[in-house]
């Protein structure tokens, strides 16, 4: 994990609400690619990098924020125990919802491009490249997280109750098996 100004490359985080291969319309009807990144509260080093990048984005974005950083600035780093208290996947974690109008680059552990949308899913573990920036839209002022790229880290348990086909079924005996 590393930080370069307002850009952060996360360490291992859990992916949720994954819409990185096809954009999804938001409440305003605008289509965006998006992902929720679940960060364990125990990863204090990553949280500090993210907080520092958010602080820099606020400082650099003062012009958009009315000339100064508001005390009640909306930031993308949110507390899962408060904002998603009904979802156990977010327990004892922070999370960031990152979006982009352009499709993010998606690679596997070997940096090979991933085009199969079943490879990165809600519940797997990823690294993400995220850029923080100030916004001021219709009186809403804050810092947002722009999604750059995703790297699959490893598989994890599906979120949302989905199971794999391998877990659902036993092997079938077919007539061909009986003939052997």
C-alpha atoms as a PDB file:
ATOM      1  CA  UNK A   1       0.000   0.000   0.000  1.00  0.00           C
ATOM      2  CA  UNK A   2       1.195   3.495  -0.754  1.00  0.00           C
ATOM      3  CA  UNK A   3       0.110   7.093  -1.124  1.00  0.00           C
ATOM      4  CA  UNK A   4       1.113   9.683  -3.684  1.00  0.00           C
ATOM      5  CA  UNK A   5      -0.622  12.966  -2.855  1.00  0.00           C
ATOM      6  CA  UNK A   6      -4.365  12.353  -3.125  1.00  0.00           C
ATOM      7  CA  UNK A   7      -3.932   8.903  -4.709  1.00  0.00           C
ATOM      8  CA  UNK A   8      -3.870   5.770  -2.560  1.00  0.00           C
ATOM      9  CA  UNK A   9      -3.089   2.193  -3.556  1.00  0.00           C
ATOM     10  CA  UNK A  10      -4.773   0.180  -0.818  1.00  0.00           C
ATOM     11  CA  UNK A  11      -3.527  -2.963   0.793  1.00  0.00           C
ATOM     12  CA  UNK A  12      -5.847  -5.973   1.047  1.00  0.00           C
ATOM     13  CA  UNK A  13      -9.489  -4.863   1.260  1.00  0.00           C
ATOM     14  CA  UNK A  14     -12.769  -6.704   0.760  1.00  0.00           C
ATOM     15  CA  UNK A  15     -14.874  -5.841  -2.273  1.00  0.00           C
ATOM     16  CA  UNK A  16     -18.625  -5.267  -1.980  1.00  0.00           C
ATOM     17  CA  UNK A  17     -21.315  -3.895  -4.288  1.00  0.00           C
ATOM     18  CA  UNK A  18     -19.033  -4.609  -7.252  1.00  0.00           C
ATOM     19  CA  UNK A  19     -20.037  -2.819 -10.474  1.00  0.00           C
ATOM     20  CA  UNK A  20     -16.664  -2.582 -12.214  1.00  0.00           C
ATOM     21  CA  UNK A  21     -17.387  -4.357 -15.506  1.00  0.00           C
ATOM     22  CA  UNK A  22     -20.729  -2.719 -16.319  1.00  0.00           C
ATOM     23  CA  UNK A  23     -21.771   0.745 -15.108  1.00  0.00           C
ATOM     24  CA  UNK A  24     -24.843   1.037 -12.913  1.00  0.00           C
ATOM     25  CA  UNK A  25     -27.221   4.000 -12.851  1.00  0.00           C
ATOM     26  CA  UNK A  26     -27.269   5.972  -9.600  1.00  0.00           C
ATOM     27  CA  UNK A  27     -30.278   7.789  -8.104  1.00  0.00           C
ATOM     28  CA  UNK A  28     -29.776  10.649 -10.604  1.00  0.00           C
ATOM     29  CA  UNK A  29     -29.772   8.203 -13.526  1.00  0.00           C
ATOM     30  CA  UNK A  30     -26.059   8.767 -14.180  1.00  0.00           C
ATOM     31  CA  UNK A  31     -24.217   5.549 -15.040  1.00  0.00           C
ATOM     32  CA  UNK A  32     -21.011   4.913 -13.110  1.00  0.00           C
ATOM     33  CA  UNK A  33     -18.648   2.081 -12.323  1.00  0.00           C
ATOM     34  CA  UNK A  34     -18.411   1.547  -8.587  1.00  0.00           C
ATOM     35  CA  UNK A  35     -17.170  -0.598  -5.735  1.00  0.00           C
ATOM     36  CA  UNK A  36     -17.369  -0.495  -1.963  1.00  0.00           C
ATOM     37  CA  UNK A  37     -13.991  -1.180  -0.328  1.00  0.00           C
ATOM     38  CA  UNK A  38     -14.215  -2.654   3.189  1.00  0.00           C
ATOM     39  CA  UNK A  39     -11.152  -1.841   5.307  1.00  0.00           C
ATOM     40  CA  UNK A  40     -10.564  -3.534   8.672  1.00  0.00           C
ATOM     41  CA  UNK A  41     -10.306  -1.008  11.519  1.00  0.00           C
ATOM     42  CA  UNK A  42      -7.249  -2.962  12.678  1.00  0.00           C
ATOM     43  CA  UNK A  43      -5.344  -1.796   9.570  1.00  0.00           C
ATOM     44  CA  UNK A  44      -4.418   1.545  11.119  1.00  0.00           C
ATOM     45  CA  UNK A  45      -1.583   2.168   8.644  1.00  0.00           C
ATOM     46  CA  UNK A  46      -3.930   2.018   5.630  1.00  0.00           C
ATOM     47  CA  UNK A  47      -6.557   4.147   7.386  1.00  0.00           C
ATOM     48  CA  UNK A  48      -3.905   6.796   8.160  1.00  0.00           C
ATOM     49  CA  UNK A  49      -2.781   6.864   4.482  1.00  0.00           C
ATOM     50  CA  UNK A  50      -6.407   7.351   3.395  1.00  0.00           C
ATOM     51  CA  UNK A  51      -7.061  10.055   6.000  1.00  0.00           C
ATOM     52  CA  UNK A  52      -3.904  11.913   4.914  1.00  0.00           C
ATOM     53  CA  UNK A  53      -4.937  11.724   1.227  1.00  0.00           C
ATOM     54  CA  UNK A  54      -8.430  13.013   2.114  1.00  0.00           C
ATOM     55  CA  UNK A  55      -6.898  15.894   4.120  1.00  0.00           C
ATOM     56  CA  UNK A  56      -4.664  16.806   1.165  1.00  0.00           C
ATOM     57  CA  UNK A  57      -7.637  16.665  -1.238  1.00  0.00           C
ATOM     58  CA  UNK A  58      -9.542  19.030   1.078  1.00  0.00           C
ATOM     59  CA  UNK A  59      -6.594  21.419   1.253  1.00  0.00           C
ATOM     60  CA  UNK A  60      -6.083  21.352  -2.527  1.00  0.00           C
ATOM     61  CA  UNK A  61      -9.827  21.705  -3.121  1.00  0.00           C
ATOM     62  CA  UNK A  62     -10.405  24.778  -0.920  1.00  0.00           C
ATOM     63  CA  UNK A  63     -11.436  26.751  -4.003  1.00  0.00           C
ATOM     64  CA  UNK A  64     -14.290  24.336  -4.681  1.00  0.00           C
ATOM     65  CA  UNK A  65     -15.182  24.243  -0.998  1.00  0.00           C
ATOM     66  CA  UNK A  66     -15.757  27.999  -0.689  1.00  0.00           C
ATOM     67  CA  UNK A  67     -12.216  29.105   0.157  1.00  0.00           C
ATOM     68  CA  UNK A  68     -11.824  27.048   3.331  1.00  0.00           C
ATOM     69  CA  UNK A  69     -12.262  23.485   4.548  1.00  0.00           C
ATOM     70  CA  UNK A  70     -15.681  23.228   6.281  1.00  0.00           C
ATOM     71  CA  UNK A  71     -15.711  21.733   9.782  1.00  0.00           C
ATOM     72  CA  UNK A  72     -18.474  19.294   8.794  1.00  0.00           C
ATOM     73  CA  UNK A  73     -16.834  18.145   5.561  1.00  0.00           C
ATOM     74  CA  UNK A  74     -18.357  15.011   4.026  1.00  0.00           C
ATOM     75  CA  UNK A  75     -15.631  12.431   3.471  1.00  0.00           C
ATOM     76  CA  UNK A  76     -15.742   9.064   1.729  1.00  0.00           C
ATOM     77  CA  UNK A  77     -14.168   7.149   4.653  1.00  0.00           C
ATOM     78  CA  UNK A  78     -17.186   5.898   6.569  1.00  0.00           C
ATOM     79  CA  UNK A  79     -17.627   3.754   9.680  1.00  0.00           C
ATOM     80  CA  UNK A  80     -19.219   0.388   8.904  1.00  0.00           C
ATOM     81  CA  UNK A  81     -20.393  -0.007  12.524  1.00  0.00           C
ATOM     82  CA  UNK A  82     -22.416   3.217  12.161  1.00  0.00           C
ATOM     83  CA  UNK A  83     -23.413   3.498   8.492  1.00  0.00           C
ATOM     84  CA  UNK A  84     -23.908  -0.237   7.769  1.00  0.00           C
ATOM     85  CA  UNK A  85     -24.749  -1.558  11.226  1.00  0.00           C
ATOM     86  CA  UNK A  86     -27.222  -4.019   9.662  1.00  0.00           C
ATOM     87  CA  UNK A  87     -24.537  -5.703   7.506  1.00  0.00           C
ATOM     88  CA  UNK A  88     -22.074  -8.010   9.299  1.00  0.00           C
ATOM     89  CA  UNK A  89     -19.570  -7.762   6.410  1.00  0.00           C
ATOM     90  CA  UNK A  90     -18.994  -4.129   7.471  1.00  0.00           C
ATOM     91  CA  UNK A  91     -18.575  -4.874  11.211  1.00  0.00           C
ATOM     92  CA  UNK A  92     -15.390  -3.528  12.799  1.00  0.00           C
ATOM     93  CA  UNK A  93     -14.484  -1.896   9.481  1.00  0.00           C
ATOM     94  CA  UNK A  94     -14.404   1.358   7.625  1.00  0.00           C
ATOM     95  CA  UNK A  95     -15.470   1.552   3.993  1.00  0.00           C
ATOM     96  CA  UNK A  96     -15.107   3.738   0.936  1.00  0.00           C
ATOM     97  CA  UNK A  97     -17.501   3.855  -2.001  1.00  0.00           C
ATOM     98  CA  UNK A  98     -15.383   4.656  -5.052  1.00  0.00           C
ATOM     99  CA  UNK A  99     -16.866   5.513  -8.454  1.00  0.00           C
ATOM    100  CA  UNK A 100     -15.802   6.397 -11.970  1.00  0.00           C
ATOM    101  CA  UNK A 101     -17.449   7.364 -15.249  1.00  0.00           C
ATOM    102  CA  UNK A 102     -14.733   5.366 -17.060  1.00  0.00           C
ATOM    103  CA  UNK A 103     -14.278   1.614 -16.677  1.00  0.00           C
ATOM    104  CA  UNK A 104     -11.495   0.863 -14.205  1.00  0.00           C
ATOM    105  CA  UNK A 105      -8.596  -1.325 -15.224  1.00  0.00           C
ATOM    106  CA  UNK A 106      -8.949  -4.766 -13.627  1.00  0.00           C
ATOM    107  CA  UNK A 107      -6.030  -7.209 -13.310  1.00  0.00           C
ATOM    108  CA  UNK A 108      -5.324 -10.453 -11.468  1.00  0.00           C
ATOM    109  CA  UNK A 109      -2.443 -11.229  -9.088  1.00  0.00           C
ATOM    110  CA  UNK A 110      -0.061 -11.515 -12.070  1.00  0.00           C
ATOM    111  CA  UNK A 111      -1.192  -8.172 -13.582  1.00  0.00           C
ATOM    112  CA  UNK A 112      -3.040  -9.972 -16.397  1.00  0.00           C
ATOM    113  CA  UNK A 113      -6.142  -8.074 -17.556  1.00  0.00           C
ATOM    114  CA  UNK A 114      -9.405  -9.529 -16.243  1.00  0.00           C
ATOM    115  CA  UNK A 115     -12.468  -9.350 -18.501  1.00  0.00           C
ATOM    116  CA  UNK A 116     -14.535 -12.133 -16.873  1.00  0.00           C
ATOM    117  CA  UNK A 117     -16.983 -10.399 -14.523  1.00  0.00           C
ATOM    118  CA  UNK A 118     -17.182 -13.476 -12.256  1.00  0.00           C
ATOM    119  CA  UNK A 119     -13.516 -13.161 -11.212  1.00  0.00           C
ATOM    120  CA  UNK A 120     -13.943 -10.011  -9.086  1.00  0.00           C
ATOM    121  CA  UNK A 121     -17.138 -10.200  -7.026  1.00  0.00           C
ATOM    122  CA  UNK A 122     -18.689  -9.018  -3.763  1.00  0.00           C
ATOM    123  CA  UNK A 123     -16.747 -10.871  -1.087  1.00  0.00           C
ATOM    124  CA  UNK A 124     -13.375 -11.344  -2.778  1.00  0.00           C
ATOM    125  CA  UNK A 125     -10.279  -9.441  -1.699  1.00  0.00           C
ATOM    126  CA  UNK A 126      -8.654  -6.771  -3.856  1.00  0.00           C
ATOM    127  CA  UNK A 127      -6.209  -3.879  -3.928  1.00  0.00           C
ATOM    128  CA  UNK A 128      -7.581  -0.652  -5.320  1.00  0.00           C
ATOM    129  CA  UNK A 129      -6.158   2.536  -6.773  1.00  0.00           C
ATOM    130  CA  UNK A 130      -8.310   5.434  -5.572  1.00  0.00           C
ATOM    131  CA  UNK A 131      -7.950   9.194  -6.029  1.00  0.00           C
ATOM    132  CA  UNK A 132      -9.575  11.593  -3.563  1.00  0.00           C
ATOM    133  CA  UNK A 133     -10.897  14.975  -4.744  1.00  0.00           C
ATOM    134  CA  UNK A 134     -13.061  17.862  -3.534  1.00  0.00           C
ATOM    135  CA  UNK A 135     -16.568  18.416  -4.900  1.00  0.00           C
ATOM    136  CA  UNK A 136     -19.228  21.095  -4.573  1.00  0.00           C
ATOM    137  CA  UNK A 137     -22.464  20.047  -6.237  1.00  0.00           C
ATOM    138  CA  UNK A 138     -25.792  21.767  -5.564  1.00  0.00           C
ATOM    139  CA  UNK A 139     -24.631  22.912  -2.124  1.00  0.00           C
ATOM    140  CA  UNK A 140     -23.172  19.529  -1.161  1.00  0.00           C
ATOM    141  CA  UNK A 141     -19.507  19.966  -0.325  1.00  0.00           C
ATOM    142  CA  UNK A 142     -17.081  17.213   0.427  1.00  0.00           C
ATOM    143  CA  UNK A 143     -14.416  14.809  -0.684  1.00  0.00           C
ATOM    144  CA  UNK A 144     -15.188  11.937  -3.057  1.00  0.00           C
ATOM    145  CA  UNK A 145     -13.275   8.795  -4.009  1.00  0.00           C
ATOM    146  CA  UNK A 146     -12.540   8.270  -7.692  1.00  0.00           C
ATOM    147  CA  UNK A 147     -11.979   4.664  -8.749  1.00  0.00           C
ATOM    148  CA  UNK A 148      -8.891   4.150 -10.905  1.00  0.00           C
ATOM    149  CA  UNK A 149      -7.996   0.443 -10.998  1.00  0.00           C
ATOM    150  CA  UNK A 150      -8.546  -2.890  -9.228  1.00  0.00           C
ATOM    151  CA  UNK A 151      -6.227  -5.841  -8.652  1.00  0.00           C
ATOM    152  CA  UNK A 152      -7.733  -9.140  -7.498  1.00  0.00           C
ATOM    153  CA  UNK A 153      -5.919 -10.345  -4.369  1.00  0.00           C
ATOM    154  CA  UNK A 154      -7.722 -13.593  -3.504  1.00  0.00           C
ATOM    155  CA  UNK A 155     -11.100 -15.273  -3.335  1.00  0.00           C
ATOM    156  CA  UNK A 156     -13.383 -14.786  -0.355  1.00  0.00           C
ATOM    157  CA  UNK A 157     -16.817 -15.862   0.796  1.00  0.00           C
ATOM    158  CA  UNK A 158     -19.572 -14.398  -1.381  1.00  0.00           C
ATOM    159  CA  UNK A 159     -21.443 -11.505   0.220  1.00  0.00           C
ATOM    160  CA  UNK A 160     -25.200 -11.261  -0.082  1.00  0.00           C
ATOM    161  CA  UNK A 161     -25.872 -14.933   0.536  1.00  0.00           C
ATOM    162  CA  UNK A 162     -24.762 -16.146  -2.883  1.00  0.00           C
ATOM    163  CA  UNK A 163     -23.101 -19.556  -3.024  1.00  0.00           C
ATOM    164  CA  UNK A 164     -20.905 -21.126  -5.661  1.00  0.00           C
ATOM    165  CA  UNK A 165     -22.134 -23.854  -8.005  1.00  0.00           C
ATOM    166  CA  UNK A 166     -19.441 -26.164  -6.581  1.00  0.00           C
ATOM    167  CA  UNK A 167     -20.898 -25.713  -3.081  1.00  0.00           C
ATOM    168  CA  UNK A 168     -24.497 -26.226  -4.206  1.00  0.00           C
ATOM    169  CA  UNK A 169     -24.138 -29.494  -6.118  1.00  0.00           C
ATOM    170  CA  UNK A 170     -22.706 -32.979  -5.735  1.00  0.00           C
ATOM    171  CA  UNK A 171     -21.187 -34.741  -8.711  1.00  0.00           C
ATOM    172  CA  UNK A 172     -23.809 -36.392 -10.903  1.00  0.00           C
ATOM    173  CA  UNK A 173     -23.736 -39.983 -11.959  1.00  0.00           C
ATOM    174  CA  UNK A 174     -24.724 -40.240 -15.614  1.00  0.00           C
ATOM    175  CA  UNK A 175     -25.585 -43.168 -17.846  1.00  0.00           C
ATOM    176  CA  UNK A 176     -22.064 -42.938 -19.271  1.00  0.00           C
ATOM    177  CA  UNK A 177     -20.682 -43.545 -15.759  1.00  0.00           C
ATOM    178  CA  UNK A 178     -22.874 -46.654 -15.432  1.00  0.00           C
ATOM    179  CA  UNK A 179     -21.561 -48.048 -18.733  1.00  0.00           C
ATOM    180  CA  UNK A 180     -17.923 -47.830 -17.585  1.00  0.00           C
END
